[in-house]
Amino acid sequence: MIQLYEVSKTYRTRGQSVVALAPLSGRVEPGEFVMVTGRSGAGKSTLLALMGGLTRPDEGTVSVMGQDLWSLSDAERARFRARHIGFVFQFTSLIPTLTVLENLLLPASFLPPGEGGDRQRAMELLERVGLAEHIHRYPWQLSGGQQKRVAVARALLNRPEVLLADEPTADLDEETEREVVSLFQEENRAGTTVVMVTHSTELVPLAHRHLVLSGGRVSHAR
């Protein structure tokens, strides 16, 4: 489902170079649930951004579903992401001037009519995350945990084959954390490939595989 070959990424700021990922190769199989852990700065977010075609690697190739992401034009890559990849970012990135429902339907606007999720799908997802009664509210009227649940539902709107989640349960209470991870497990059982970054070691046993990043390298895998 996801193939990385000798992928590396270095960021340059203020005349300094910071290696986010050293040359790394690996793959995620269809239907896997992979947890990624590691200290801050270990390269976890960069790894997800590379897998999703949001960040261009300095070297190497990234393929999703057999498609080399960086052989596509910007427009083609954006359409590919909209069709096949769902993202949950560390920060919810909800648009403050749009209602909950409008934020949720946003991914469908990147696809031709009929190809993305619709209002019925949006309502089903909001019901599953316990926010169906908040569809007309704005992000600033929601708690942080509620905003994160909207972001999770938004990532699933177009029924992606791949779900990439960067700290999706950060700052959530234990009950909401369980609900979010349970939703991911449900989608995974239905066939969605999930790669999730987390600081919560208690969640690791719920995954099929566990990767630990350290200094931009995989230091441990199970």
N, C-alpha and C. Protein backbone atom coordinates (compact mmCIF):
# COMPACT_ATOMS: atom_id res chain seq x y z
N MET A 1 0.82 -1.21 0.00
CA MET A 1 0.00 0.00 0.00
C MET A 1 0.86 1.27 0.00
N ILE A 2 1.89 1.29 0.87
CA ILE A 2 2.83 2.42 0.92
C ILE A 2 4.24 1.86 0.82
N GLN A 3 5.02 2.38 -0.10
CA GLN A 3 6.40 1.93 -0.30
C GLN A 3 7.36 3.11 -0.25
N LEU A 4 8.32 3.06 0.65
CA LEU A 4 9.37 4.07 0.73
C LEU A 4 10.68 3.42 0.33
N TYR A 5 11.44 4.08 -0.55
CA TYR A 5 12.73 3.54 -0.95
C TYR A 5 13.80 4.61 -0.81
N GLU A 6 14.71 4.39 0.14
CA GLU A 6 15.85 5.28 0.37
C GLU A 6 15.41 6.74 0.45
N VAL A 7 14.35 6.97 1.24
CA VAL A 7 13.80 8.32 1.37
C VAL A 7 14.53 9.08 2.46
N SER A 8 14.88 10.33 2.18
CA SER A 8 15.53 11.16 3.19
C SER A 8 14.98 12.58 3.10
N LYS A 9 15.09 13.29 4.23
CA LYS A 9 14.63 14.68 4.26
C LYS A 9 15.46 15.47 5.27
N THR A 10 16.00 16.60 4.80
CA THR A 10 16.76 17.50 5.66
C THR A 10 16.16 18.89 5.56
N TYR A 11 15.93 19.52 6.69
CA TYR A 11 15.42 20.89 6.71
C TYR A 11 16.56 21.86 6.98
N ARG A 12 16.54 22.97 6.29
CA ARG A 12 17.60 23.98 6.45
C ARG A 12 16.99 25.29 6.93
N THR A 13 17.39 25.71 8.10
CA THR A 13 16.89 26.96 8.66
C THR A 13 18.04 27.71 9.31
N ARG A 14 18.07 29.01 9.06
CA ARG A 14 19.07 29.89 9.68
C ARG A 14 20.49 29.36 9.49
N GLY A 15 20.75 28.84 8.31
CA GLY A 15 22.09 28.37 8.00
C GLY A 15 22.44 27.03 8.59
N GLN A 16 21.48 26.38 9.27
CA GLN A 16 21.74 25.07 9.87
C GLN A 16 20.93 24.00 9.15
N SER A 17 21.47 22.80 9.14
CA SER A 17 20.79 21.66 8.53
C SER A 17 20.36 20.69 9.62
N VAL A 18 19.09 20.30 9.56
CA VAL A 18 18.55 19.35 10.53
C VAL A 18 18.02 18.14 9.77
N VAL A 19 18.59 16.99 10.05
CA VAL A 19 18.16 15.76 9.38
C VAL A 19 16.88 15.26 10.04
N ALA A 20 15.77 15.35 9.31
CA ALA A 20 14.50 14.86 9.82
C ALA A 20 14.36 13.37 9.60
N LEU A 21 14.79 12.90 8.43
CA LEU A 21 14.78 11.47 8.13
C LEU A 21 16.07 11.12 7.40
N ALA A 22 16.81 10.16 7.95
CA ALA A 22 17.96 9.61 7.24
C ALA A 22 17.43 8.65 6.19
N PRO A 23 18.26 8.25 5.21
CA PRO A 23 17.76 7.32 4.19
C PRO A 23 17.02 6.14 4.80
N LEU A 24 15.77 5.99 4.40
CA LEU A 24 14.89 5.02 5.03
C LEU A 24 14.09 4.28 3.96
N SER A 25 14.02 2.98 4.10
CA SER A 25 13.22 2.16 3.19
C SER A 25 12.26 1.30 4.02
N GLY A 26 11.08 1.08 3.48
CA GLY A 26 10.12 0.25 4.19
C GLY A 26 8.80 0.25 3.46
N ARG A 27 7.87 -0.55 3.97
CA ARG A 27 6.57 -0.62 3.33
C ARG A 27 5.49 -0.87 4.36
N VAL A 28 4.31 -0.43 4.03
CA VAL A 28 3.11 -0.70 4.84
C VAL A 28 2.18 -1.52 3.96
N GLU A 29 1.77 -2.66 4.44
CA GLU A 29 0.95 -3.56 3.64
C GLU A 29 -0.53 -3.13 3.67
N PRO A 30 -1.29 -3.49 2.64
CA PRO A 30 -2.73 -3.18 2.63
C PRO A 30 -3.42 -3.75 3.87
N GLY A 31 -4.24 -2.92 4.50
CA GLY A 31 -5.00 -3.38 5.66
C GLY A 31 -4.24 -3.39 6.97
N GLU A 32 -3.00 -2.92 6.98
CA GLU A 32 -2.23 -2.86 8.22
C GLU A 32 -2.65 -1.68 9.07
N PHE A 33 -2.46 -1.82 10.38
CA PHE A 33 -2.59 -0.72 11.33
C PHE A 33 -1.22 -0.58 11.98
N VAL A 34 -0.52 0.50 11.65
CA VAL A 34 0.85 0.70 12.13
C VAL A 34 0.89 1.89 13.08
N MET A 35 1.46 1.68 14.25
CA MET A 35 1.69 2.76 15.20
C MET A 35 3.15 3.20 15.11
N VAL A 36 3.37 4.51 15.16
CA VAL A 36 4.72 5.07 15.11
C VAL A 36 4.93 5.91 16.36
N THR A 37 5.99 5.61 17.10
CA THR A 37 6.31 6.39 18.29
C THR A 37 7.75 6.89 18.20
N GLY A 38 8.10 7.75 19.14
CA GLY A 38 9.45 8.32 19.18
C GLY A 38 9.42 9.67 19.86
N ARG A 39 10.56 10.14 20.28
CA ARG A 39 10.65 11.43 20.94
C ARG A 39 10.32 12.57 19.98
N SER A 40 10.03 13.74 20.54
CA SER A 40 9.81 14.92 19.70
C SER A 40 11.05 15.18 18.86
N GLY A 41 10.84 15.47 17.58
CA GLY A 41 11.97 15.72 16.69
C GLY A 41 12.57 14.48 16.08
N ALA A 42 11.96 13.31 16.34
CA ALA A 42 12.51 12.06 15.82
C ALA A 42 12.21 11.85 14.34
N GLY A 43 11.26 12.64 13.78
CA GLY A 43 10.94 12.51 12.37
C GLY A 43 9.58 11.92 12.08
N LYS A 44 8.75 11.78 13.10
CA LYS A 44 7.45 11.12 12.94
C LYS A 44 6.52 11.89 12.01
N SER A 45 6.38 13.18 12.25
CA SER A 45 5.49 13.99 11.41
C SER A 45 6.02 14.08 9.98
N THR A 46 7.34 14.17 9.84
CA THR A 46 7.94 14.21 8.50
C THR A 46 7.64 12.91 7.76
N LEU A 47 7.72 11.78 8.46
CA LEU A 47 7.43 10.49 7.84
C LEU A 47 6.00 10.47 7.29
N LEU A 48 5.05 10.93 8.07
CA LEU A 48 3.66 10.95 7.59
C LEU A 48 3.49 11.90 6.41
N ALA A 49 4.13 13.07 6.48
CA ALA A 49 4.02 14.04 5.40
C ALA A 49 4.59 13.48 4.10
N LEU A 50 5.66 12.70 4.20
CA LEU A 50 6.24 12.06 3.02
C LEU A 50 5.32 10.98 2.48
N MET A 51 4.74 10.19 3.38
CA MET A 51 3.83 9.13 2.96
C MET A 51 2.60 9.69 2.24
N GLY A 52 2.19 10.89 2.65
CA GLY A 52 0.99 11.47 2.07
C GLY A 52 1.24 12.42 0.91
N GLY A 53 2.49 12.56 0.51
CA GLY A 53 2.78 13.44 -0.61
C GLY A 53 2.65 14.91 -0.29
N LEU A 54 2.75 15.27 0.99
CA LEU A 54 2.70 16.68 1.38
C LEU A 54 4.08 17.31 1.38
N THR A 55 5.11 16.49 1.58
CA THR A 55 6.49 16.95 1.61
C THR A 55 7.30 16.15 0.61
N ARG A 56 8.06 16.85 -0.23
CA ARG A 56 8.89 16.17 -1.23
C ARG A 56 10.18 15.67 -0.57
N PRO A 57 10.53 14.42 -0.76
CA PRO A 57 11.79 13.94 -0.19
C PRO A 57 12.98 14.54 -0.92
N ASP A 58 14.10 14.69 -0.23
CA ASP A 58 15.33 15.15 -0.88
C ASP A 58 15.86 14.08 -1.82
N GLU A 59 15.71 12.84 -1.40
CA GLU A 59 16.14 11.70 -2.21
C GLU A 59 15.14 10.57 -2.00
N GLY A 60 15.14 9.62 -2.93
CA GLY A 60 14.31 8.44 -2.78
C GLY A 60 12.93 8.62 -3.41
N THR A 61 12.13 7.57 -3.32
CA THR A 61 10.80 7.56 -3.91
C THR A 61 9.76 7.15 -2.88
N VAL A 62 8.56 7.69 -3.05
CA VAL A 62 7.41 7.36 -2.21
C VAL A 62 6.28 6.92 -3.13
N SER A 63 5.80 5.70 -2.95
CA SER A 63 4.70 5.18 -3.76
C SER A 63 3.54 4.79 -2.86
N VAL A 64 2.34 5.15 -3.28
CA VAL A 64 1.12 4.76 -2.58
C VAL A 64 0.22 4.06 -3.60
N MET A 65 -0.22 2.86 -3.26
CA MET A 65 -1.05 2.07 -4.17
C MET A 65 -0.38 1.92 -5.54
N GLY A 66 0.96 1.80 -5.52
CA GLY A 66 1.72 1.62 -6.75
C GLY A 66 2.01 2.88 -7.53
N GLN A 67 1.54 4.03 -7.02
CA GLN A 67 1.74 5.30 -7.71
C GLN A 67 2.88 6.10 -7.08
N ASP A 68 3.90 6.40 -7.87
CA ASP A 68 4.98 7.27 -7.42
C ASP A 68 4.41 8.68 -7.27
N LEU A 69 4.30 9.16 -6.04
CA LEU A 69 3.61 10.43 -5.79
C LEU A 69 4.29 11.61 -6.47
N TRP A 70 5.62 11.57 -6.56
CA TRP A 70 6.32 12.75 -7.07
C TRP A 70 6.59 12.67 -8.56
N SER A 71 5.97 11.67 -9.23
CA SER A 71 5.96 11.66 -10.69
C SER A 71 4.71 12.38 -11.20
N LEU A 72 3.82 12.76 -10.26
CA LEU A 72 2.58 13.46 -10.61
C LEU A 72 2.78 14.97 -10.57
N SER A 73 1.95 15.68 -11.31
CA SER A 73 1.94 17.13 -11.19
C SER A 73 1.30 17.51 -9.86
N ASP A 74 1.41 18.76 -9.47
CA ASP A 74 0.80 19.21 -8.21
C ASP A 74 -0.70 18.95 -8.22
N ALA A 75 -1.37 19.25 -9.33
CA ALA A 75 -2.82 19.05 -9.41
C ALA A 75 -3.18 17.57 -9.35
N GLU A 76 -2.40 16.74 -10.05
CA GLU A 76 -2.67 15.30 -10.03
C GLU A 76 -2.44 14.72 -8.64
N ARG A 77 -1.40 15.19 -7.97
CA ARG A 77 -1.11 14.69 -6.64
C ARG A 77 -2.20 15.10 -5.66
N ALA A 78 -2.72 16.31 -5.80
CA ALA A 78 -3.81 16.77 -4.93
C ALA A 78 -5.06 15.92 -5.13
N ARG A 79 -5.37 15.60 -6.38
CA ARG A 79 -6.55 14.74 -6.65
C ARG A 79 -6.33 13.34 -6.11
N PHE A 80 -5.11 12.83 -6.26
CA PHE A 80 -4.80 11.49 -5.75
C PHE A 80 -5.00 11.45 -4.23
N ARG A 81 -4.49 12.48 -3.55
CA ARG A 81 -4.67 12.53 -2.09
C ARG A 81 -6.14 12.58 -1.72
N ALA A 82 -6.89 13.41 -2.42
CA ALA A 82 -8.32 13.57 -2.10
C ALA A 82 -9.08 12.25 -2.28
N ARG A 83 -8.69 11.48 -3.29
CA ARG A 83 -9.38 10.22 -3.56
C ARG A 83 -8.97 9.10 -2.61
N HIS A 84 -7.69 9.06 -2.25
CA HIS A 84 -7.16 7.85 -1.63
C HIS A 84 -6.58 8.01 -0.23
N ILE A 85 -6.29 9.24 0.22
CA ILE A 85 -5.59 9.43 1.49
C ILE A 85 -6.36 10.39 2.39
N GLY A 86 -6.60 9.97 3.62
CA GLY A 86 -7.20 10.84 4.62
C GLY A 86 -6.15 11.25 5.64
N PHE A 87 -6.19 12.52 6.07
CA PHE A 87 -5.21 13.04 7.02
C PHE A 87 -5.90 13.53 8.29
N VAL A 88 -5.28 13.21 9.42
CA VAL A 88 -5.63 13.87 10.68
C VAL A 88 -4.33 14.50 11.17
N PHE A 89 -4.30 15.83 11.22
CA PHE A 89 -3.08 16.55 11.59
C PHE A 89 -3.03 16.79 13.10
N GLN A 90 -1.82 17.12 13.58
CA GLN A 90 -1.67 17.45 15.00
C GLN A 90 -2.61 18.59 15.39
N PHE A 91 -2.68 19.58 14.52
CA PHE A 91 -3.60 20.69 14.74
C PHE A 91 -4.78 20.49 13.80
N THR A 92 -5.97 20.74 14.26
CA THR A 92 -7.17 20.34 13.53
C THR A 92 -7.32 21.01 12.16
N SER A 93 -6.76 22.22 12.01
CA SER A 93 -6.81 22.94 10.73
C SER A 93 -8.23 23.14 10.24
N LEU A 94 -9.17 23.28 11.16
CA LEU A 94 -10.55 23.58 10.77
C LEU A 94 -10.63 25.06 10.35
N ILE A 95 -11.46 25.34 9.37
CA ILE A 95 -11.61 26.71 8.91
C ILE A 95 -12.63 27.43 9.80
N PRO A 96 -12.23 28.48 10.50
CA PRO A 96 -13.08 29.09 11.52
C PRO A 96 -14.37 29.71 10.99
N THR A 97 -14.39 30.09 9.70
CA THR A 97 -15.58 30.73 9.13
C THR A 97 -16.57 29.72 8.55
N LEU A 98 -16.25 28.44 8.64
CA LEU A 98 -17.15 27.40 8.15
C LEU A 98 -17.75 26.63 9.33
N THR A 99 -18.98 26.19 9.18
CA THR A 99 -19.61 25.38 10.23
C THR A 99 -18.98 24.00 10.28
N VAL A 100 -19.36 23.24 11.28
CA VAL A 100 -18.87 21.87 11.41
C VAL A 100 -19.18 21.07 10.15
N LEU A 101 -20.41 21.14 9.68
CA LEU A 101 -20.81 20.39 8.50
C LEU A 101 -20.04 20.86 7.27
N GLU A 102 -19.87 22.17 7.12
CA GLU A 102 -19.14 22.70 5.97
C GLU A 102 -17.67 22.28 6.00
N ASN A 103 -17.07 22.28 7.19
CA ASN A 103 -15.69 21.81 7.33
C ASN A 103 -15.60 20.34 6.95
N LEU A 104 -16.58 19.57 7.36
CA LEU A 104 -16.55 18.14 7.11
C LEU A 104 -16.68 17.82 5.62
N LEU A 105 -17.47 18.61 4.91
CA LEU A 105 -17.71 18.36 3.49
C LEU A 105 -16.59 18.90 2.60
N LEU A 106 -15.65 19.62 3.18
CA LEU A 106 -14.61 20.26 2.38
C LEU A 106 -13.81 19.28 1.50
N PRO A 107 -13.40 18.10 1.99
CA PRO A 107 -12.63 17.20 1.13
C PRO A 107 -13.35 16.80 -0.15
N ALA A 108 -14.68 16.74 -0.11
CA ALA A 108 -15.45 16.36 -1.30
C ALA A 108 -15.34 17.41 -2.40
N SER A 109 -15.04 18.65 -2.02
CA SER A 109 -14.97 19.72 -3.02
C SER A 109 -13.75 19.58 -3.94
N PHE A 110 -12.79 18.73 -3.56
CA PHE A 110 -11.60 18.54 -4.39
C PHE A 110 -11.80 17.44 -5.43
N LEU A 111 -12.97 16.80 -5.43
CA LEU A 111 -13.24 15.72 -6.37
C LEU A 111 -14.46 16.07 -7.22
N PRO A 112 -14.59 15.45 -8.39
CA PRO A 112 -15.77 15.68 -9.21
C PRO A 112 -17.03 15.25 -8.46
N PRO A 113 -18.18 15.86 -8.77
CA PRO A 113 -19.43 15.49 -8.11
C PRO A 113 -19.68 13.99 -8.18
N GLY A 114 -20.05 13.43 -7.03
CA GLY A 114 -20.36 12.01 -6.99
C GLY A 114 -19.19 11.12 -6.59
N GLU A 115 -17.97 11.64 -6.64
CA GLU A 115 -16.80 10.83 -6.30
C GLU A 115 -16.43 10.92 -4.83
N GLY A 116 -16.72 12.04 -4.20
CA GLY A 116 -16.37 12.21 -2.80
C GLY A 116 -17.55 11.90 -1.89
N GLY A 117 -17.36 12.13 -0.60
CA GLY A 117 -18.43 11.91 0.36
C GLY A 117 -19.52 12.96 0.18
N ASP A 118 -20.70 12.67 0.71
CA ASP A 118 -21.82 13.59 0.59
C ASP A 118 -22.37 13.91 1.98
N ARG A 119 -23.48 14.65 2.01
CA ARG A 119 -24.04 15.08 3.29
C ARG A 119 -24.45 13.88 4.14
N GLN A 120 -24.99 12.84 3.51
CA GLN A 120 -25.39 11.66 4.27
C GLN A 120 -24.19 11.01 4.94
N ARG A 121 -23.09 10.87 4.20
CA ARG A 121 -21.86 10.31 4.75
C ARG A 121 -21.34 11.19 5.89
N ALA A 122 -21.41 12.52 5.71
CA ALA A 122 -20.96 13.45 6.74
C ALA A 122 -21.78 13.29 8.01
N MET A 123 -23.09 13.17 7.86
CA MET A 123 -23.95 13.02 9.04
C MET A 123 -23.69 11.70 9.75
N GLU A 124 -23.43 10.65 8.98
CA GLU A 124 -23.12 9.35 9.59
C GLU A 124 -21.84 9.44 10.42
N LEU A 125 -20.84 10.11 9.89
CA LEU A 125 -19.58 10.25 10.60
C LEU A 125 -19.73 11.10 11.84
N LEU A 126 -20.48 12.20 11.73
CA LEU A 126 -20.69 13.05 12.90
C LEU A 126 -21.46 12.31 13.99
N GLU A 127 -22.35 11.44 13.58
CA GLU A 127 -23.07 10.60 14.55
C GLU A 127 -22.09 9.66 15.25
N ARG A 128 -21.18 9.10 14.48
CA ARG A 128 -20.21 8.15 15.05
C ARG A 128 -19.25 8.81 16.01
N VAL A 129 -18.96 10.10 15.81
CA VAL A 129 -18.05 10.79 16.74
C VAL A 129 -18.83 11.62 17.77
N GLY A 130 -20.13 11.45 17.80
CA GLY A 130 -20.95 12.09 18.83
C GLY A 130 -21.17 13.57 18.67
N LEU A 131 -21.17 14.07 17.42
CA LEU A 131 -21.30 15.51 17.20
C LEU A 131 -22.42 15.88 16.24
N ALA A 132 -23.36 14.98 16.03
CA ALA A 132 -24.43 15.23 15.06
C ALA A 132 -25.25 16.47 15.42
N GLU A 133 -25.34 16.79 16.69
CA GLU A 133 -26.16 17.94 17.10
C GLU A 133 -25.42 19.27 16.98
N HIS A 134 -24.16 19.20 16.56
CA HIS A 134 -23.35 20.42 16.48
C HIS A 134 -23.05 20.85 15.04
N ILE A 135 -23.81 20.36 14.07
CA ILE A 135 -23.46 20.58 12.66
C ILE A 135 -23.44 22.05 12.26
N HIS A 136 -24.23 22.88 12.93
CA HIS A 136 -24.30 24.29 12.55
C HIS A 136 -23.41 25.19 13.41
N ARG A 137 -22.64 24.59 14.30
CA ARG A 137 -21.72 25.38 15.11
C ARG A 137 -20.42 25.64 14.35
N TYR A 138 -19.68 26.62 14.85
CA TYR A 138 -18.39 26.95 14.26
C TYR A 138 -17.28 26.38 15.15
N PRO A 139 -16.09 26.16 14.61
CA PRO A 139 -15.02 25.57 15.40
C PRO A 139 -14.76 26.26 16.72
N TRP A 140 -14.84 27.58 16.73
CA TRP A 140 -14.55 28.31 17.97
C TRP A 140 -15.61 28.07 19.05
N GLN A 141 -16.73 27.47 18.66
CA GLN A 141 -17.79 27.15 19.62
C GLN A 141 -17.65 25.73 20.18
N LEU A 142 -16.60 25.03 19.77
CA LEU A 142 -16.38 23.66 20.21
C LEU A 142 -15.18 23.57 21.14
N SER A 143 -15.15 22.54 21.95
CA SER A 143 -13.97 22.28 22.78
C SER A 143 -12.86 21.72 21.90
N GLY A 144 -11.66 21.67 22.44
CA GLY A 144 -10.54 21.12 21.68
C GLY A 144 -10.78 19.68 21.28
N GLY A 145 -11.34 18.90 22.20
CA GLY A 145 -11.63 17.50 21.90
C GLY A 145 -12.68 17.35 20.81
N GLN A 146 -13.69 18.20 20.83
CA GLN A 146 -14.72 18.17 19.79
C GLN A 146 -14.14 18.55 18.43
N GLN A 147 -13.27 19.56 18.41
CA GLN A 147 -12.62 19.94 17.15
C GLN A 147 -11.81 18.78 16.58
N LYS A 148 -11.11 18.06 17.45
CA LYS A 148 -10.30 16.93 16.98
C LYS A 148 -11.20 15.85 16.39
N ARG A 149 -12.37 15.63 16.99
CA ARG A 149 -13.29 14.61 16.47
C ARG A 149 -13.85 15.03 15.11
N VAL A 150 -14.08 16.34 14.91
CA VAL A 150 -14.51 16.82 13.59
C VAL A 150 -13.40 16.53 12.57
N ALA A 151 -12.16 16.78 12.95
CA ALA A 151 -11.02 16.55 12.05
C ALA A 151 -10.91 15.08 11.68
N VAL A 152 -11.16 14.20 12.63
CA VAL A 152 -11.13 12.76 12.36
C VAL A 152 -12.22 12.38 11.37
N ALA A 153 -13.43 12.88 11.61
CA ALA A 153 -14.54 12.58 10.70
C ALA A 153 -14.25 13.12 9.31
N ARG A 154 -13.68 14.32 9.23
CA ARG A 154 -13.36 14.93 7.93
C ARG A 154 -12.36 14.05 7.15
N ALA A 155 -11.41 13.48 7.85
CA ALA A 155 -10.40 12.65 7.19
C ALA A 155 -11.01 11.40 6.57
N LEU A 156 -12.15 10.97 7.10
CA LEU A 156 -12.79 9.74 6.63
C LEU A 156 -13.88 9.97 5.60
N LEU A 157 -14.18 11.22 5.30
CA LEU A 157 -15.34 11.54 4.46
C LEU A 157 -15.30 10.84 3.10
N ASN A 158 -14.17 10.86 2.43
CA ASN A 158 -14.08 10.31 1.07
C ASN A 158 -13.76 8.82 1.04
N ARG A 159 -13.90 8.15 2.20
CA ARG A 159 -13.63 6.71 2.31
C ARG A 159 -12.22 6.39 1.78
N PRO A 160 -11.20 6.97 2.37
CA PRO A 160 -9.84 6.78 1.87
C PRO A 160 -9.34 5.35 2.09
N GLU A 161 -8.49 4.89 1.18
CA GLU A 161 -7.85 3.59 1.37
C GLU A 161 -6.74 3.67 2.40
N VAL A 162 -6.18 4.88 2.58
CA VAL A 162 -5.09 5.10 3.53
C VAL A 162 -5.47 6.23 4.47
N LEU A 163 -5.28 6.02 5.76
CA LEU A 163 -5.52 7.05 6.77
C LEU A 163 -4.21 7.32 7.49
N LEU A 164 -3.75 8.57 7.45
CA LEU A 164 -2.53 8.99 8.12
C LEU A 164 -2.92 9.93 9.26
N ALA A 165 -2.57 9.57 10.47
CA ALA A 165 -3.02 10.34 11.64
C ALA A 165 -1.83 10.73 12.51
N ASP A 166 -1.65 12.02 12.69
CA ASP A 166 -0.53 12.56 13.46
C ASP A 166 -1.03 13.03 14.82
N GLU A 167 -0.74 12.24 15.84
CA GLU A 167 -1.18 12.54 17.21
C GLU A 167 -2.68 12.85 17.26
N PRO A 168 -3.54 11.99 16.73
CA PRO A 168 -4.97 12.30 16.69
C PRO A 168 -5.65 12.31 18.05
N THR A 169 -5.00 11.73 19.07
CA THR A 169 -5.63 11.70 20.38
C THR A 169 -4.94 12.63 21.38
N ALA A 170 -4.01 13.45 20.89
CA ALA A 170 -3.33 14.39 21.79
C ALA A 170 -4.35 15.34 22.40
N ASP A 171 -4.21 15.58 23.69
CA ASP A 171 -5.07 16.53 24.42
C ASP A 171 -6.51 16.04 24.59
N LEU A 172 -6.77 14.77 24.29
CA LEU A 172 -8.12 14.24 24.50
C LEU A 172 -8.18 13.52 25.84
N ASP A 173 -9.36 13.51 26.45
CA ASP A 173 -9.52 12.73 27.67
C ASP A 173 -9.53 11.24 27.29
N GLU A 174 -9.40 10.38 28.29
CA GLU A 174 -9.25 8.95 28.02
C GLU A 174 -10.45 8.37 27.28
N GLU A 175 -11.65 8.79 27.66
CA GLU A 175 -12.84 8.25 27.02
C GLU A 175 -12.89 8.63 25.53
N THR A 176 -12.61 9.91 25.23
CA THR A 176 -12.62 10.35 23.83
C THR A 176 -11.50 9.69 23.05
N GLU A 177 -10.34 9.51 23.69
CA GLU A 177 -9.23 8.82 23.04
C GLU A 177 -9.64 7.42 22.63
N ARG A 178 -10.31 6.70 23.51
CA ARG A 178 -10.77 5.35 23.19
C ARG A 178 -11.76 5.36 22.04
N GLU A 179 -12.63 6.36 22.03
CA GLU A 179 -13.64 6.45 20.96
C GLU A 179 -12.98 6.69 19.60
N VAL A 180 -11.99 7.57 19.58
CA VAL A 180 -11.30 7.88 18.32
C VAL A 180 -10.54 6.66 17.81
N VAL A 181 -9.79 6.01 18.69
CA VAL A 181 -9.02 4.83 18.27
C VAL A 181 -9.95 3.70 17.86
N SER A 182 -11.08 3.57 18.56
CA SER A 182 -12.06 2.55 18.18
C SER A 182 -12.59 2.80 16.78
N LEU A 183 -12.79 4.06 16.43
CA LEU A 183 -13.23 4.42 15.08
C LEU A 183 -12.17 4.04 14.05
N PHE A 184 -10.91 4.31 14.38
CA PHE A 184 -9.82 3.91 13.47
C PHE A 184 -9.79 2.40 13.30
N GLN A 185 -9.96 1.66 14.40
CA GLN A 185 -9.95 0.21 14.31
C GLN A 185 -11.11 -0.30 13.45
N GLU A 186 -12.25 0.34 13.60
CA GLU A 186 -13.42 -0.04 12.80
C GLU A 186 -13.15 0.16 11.32
N GLU A 187 -12.57 1.32 10.97
CA GLU A 187 -12.23 1.59 9.58
C GLU A 187 -11.17 0.62 9.08
N ASN A 188 -10.21 0.29 9.95
CA ASN A 188 -9.16 -0.64 9.58
C ASN A 188 -9.72 -2.04 9.31
N ARG A 189 -10.66 -2.47 10.13
CA ARG A 189 -11.28 -3.78 9.89
C ARG A 189 -12.06 -3.80 8.58
N ALA A 190 -12.53 -2.62 8.16
CA ALA A 190 -13.27 -2.52 6.90
C ALA A 190 -12.32 -2.44 5.70
N GLY A 191 -10.99 -2.40 5.97
CA GLY A 191 -10.02 -2.44 4.88
C GLY A 191 -9.12 -1.24 4.76
N THR A 192 -9.34 -0.19 5.55
CA THR A 192 -8.50 1.01 5.46
C THR A 192 -7.14 0.76 6.11
N THR A 193 -6.08 1.12 5.41
CA THR A 193 -4.74 1.04 5.96
C THR A 193 -4.49 2.26 6.83
N VAL A 194 -4.04 2.05 8.07
CA VAL A 194 -3.88 3.15 9.02
C VAL A 194 -2.43 3.24 9.49
N VAL A 195 -1.88 4.45 9.42
CA VAL A 195 -0.57 4.73 10.03
C VAL A 195 -0.80 5.89 11.01
N MET A 196 -0.52 5.63 12.27
CA MET A 196 -0.84 6.60 13.32
C MET A 196 0.38 6.90 14.18
N VAL A 197 0.70 8.18 14.30
CA VAL A 197 1.76 8.63 15.20
C VAL A 197 1.14 8.91 16.56
N THR A 198 1.80 8.46 17.60
CA THR A 198 1.26 8.68 18.95
C THR A 198 2.39 8.74 19.97
N HIS A 199 2.14 9.46 21.06
CA HIS A 199 3.03 9.44 22.21
C HIS A 199 2.51 8.49 23.29
N SER A 200 1.31 7.96 23.07
CA SER A 200 0.68 7.10 24.08
C SER A 200 1.09 5.65 23.87
N THR A 201 2.01 5.16 24.69
CA THR A 201 2.46 3.78 24.57
C THR A 201 1.34 2.79 24.89
N GLU A 202 0.32 3.25 25.61
CA GLU A 202 -0.78 2.36 25.95
C GLU A 202 -1.58 1.95 24.71
N LEU A 203 -1.50 2.75 23.65
CA LEU A 203 -2.25 2.45 22.43
C LEU A 203 -1.51 1.49 21.51
N VAL A 204 -0.19 1.36 21.71
CA VAL A 204 0.63 0.57 20.80
C VAL A 204 0.13 -0.87 20.61
N PRO A 205 -0.29 -1.58 21.67
CA PRO A 205 -0.73 -2.97 21.48
C PRO A 205 -1.96 -3.11 20.58
N LEU A 206 -2.66 -2.02 20.31
CA LEU A 206 -3.86 -2.09 19.47
C LEU A 206 -3.51 -2.20 17.99
N ALA A 207 -2.25 -1.95 17.65
CA ALA A 207 -1.83 -1.95 16.25
C ALA A 207 -1.29 -3.32 15.84
N HIS A 208 -1.20 -3.54 14.53
CA HIS A 208 -0.59 -4.76 14.01
C HIS A 208 0.93 -4.69 14.12
N ARG A 209 1.45 -3.47 13.98
CA ARG A 209 2.90 -3.30 13.94
C ARG A 209 3.27 -1.98 14.62
N HIS A 210 4.46 -1.96 15.21
CA HIS A 210 4.93 -0.78 15.96
C HIS A 210 6.31 -0.39 15.45
N LEU A 211 6.46 0.88 15.02
CA LEU A 211 7.75 1.40 14.62
C LEU A 211 8.18 2.49 15.59
N VAL A 212 9.44 2.46 15.99
CA VAL A 212 10.00 3.50 16.85
C VAL A 212 11.03 4.27 16.04
N LEU A 213 10.84 5.59 15.94
CA LEU A 213 11.80 6.45 15.24
C LEU A 213 12.73 7.13 16.25
N SER A 214 13.99 7.21 15.87
CA SER A 214 14.98 7.90 16.69
C SER A 214 16.02 8.51 15.76
N GLY A 215 16.16 9.82 15.83
CA GLY A 215 17.14 10.49 14.99
C GLY A 215 16.91 10.30 13.51
N GLY A 216 15.64 10.20 13.12
CA GLY A 216 15.31 10.05 11.71
C GLY A 216 15.48 8.65 11.17
N ARG A 217 15.68 7.69 12.05
CA ARG A 217 15.82 6.29 11.64
C ARG A 217 14.87 5.41 12.43
N VAL A 218 14.53 4.27 11.88
CA VAL A 218 13.72 3.30 12.61
C VAL A 218 14.67 2.54 13.54
N SER A 219 14.49 2.75 14.85
CA SER A 219 15.38 2.12 15.82
C SER A 219 14.83 0.80 16.33
N HIS A 220 13.54 0.60 16.11
CA HIS A 220 12.92 -0.64 16.60
C HIS A 220 11.65 -0.88 15.81
N ALA A 221 11.37 -2.11 15.48
CA ALA A 221 10.13 -2.47 14.80
C ALA A 221 9.62 -3.78 15.37
N ARG A 222 8.29 -3.86 15.47
CA ARG A 222 7.69 -5.10 15.96
C ARG A 222 6.56 -5.50 15.02
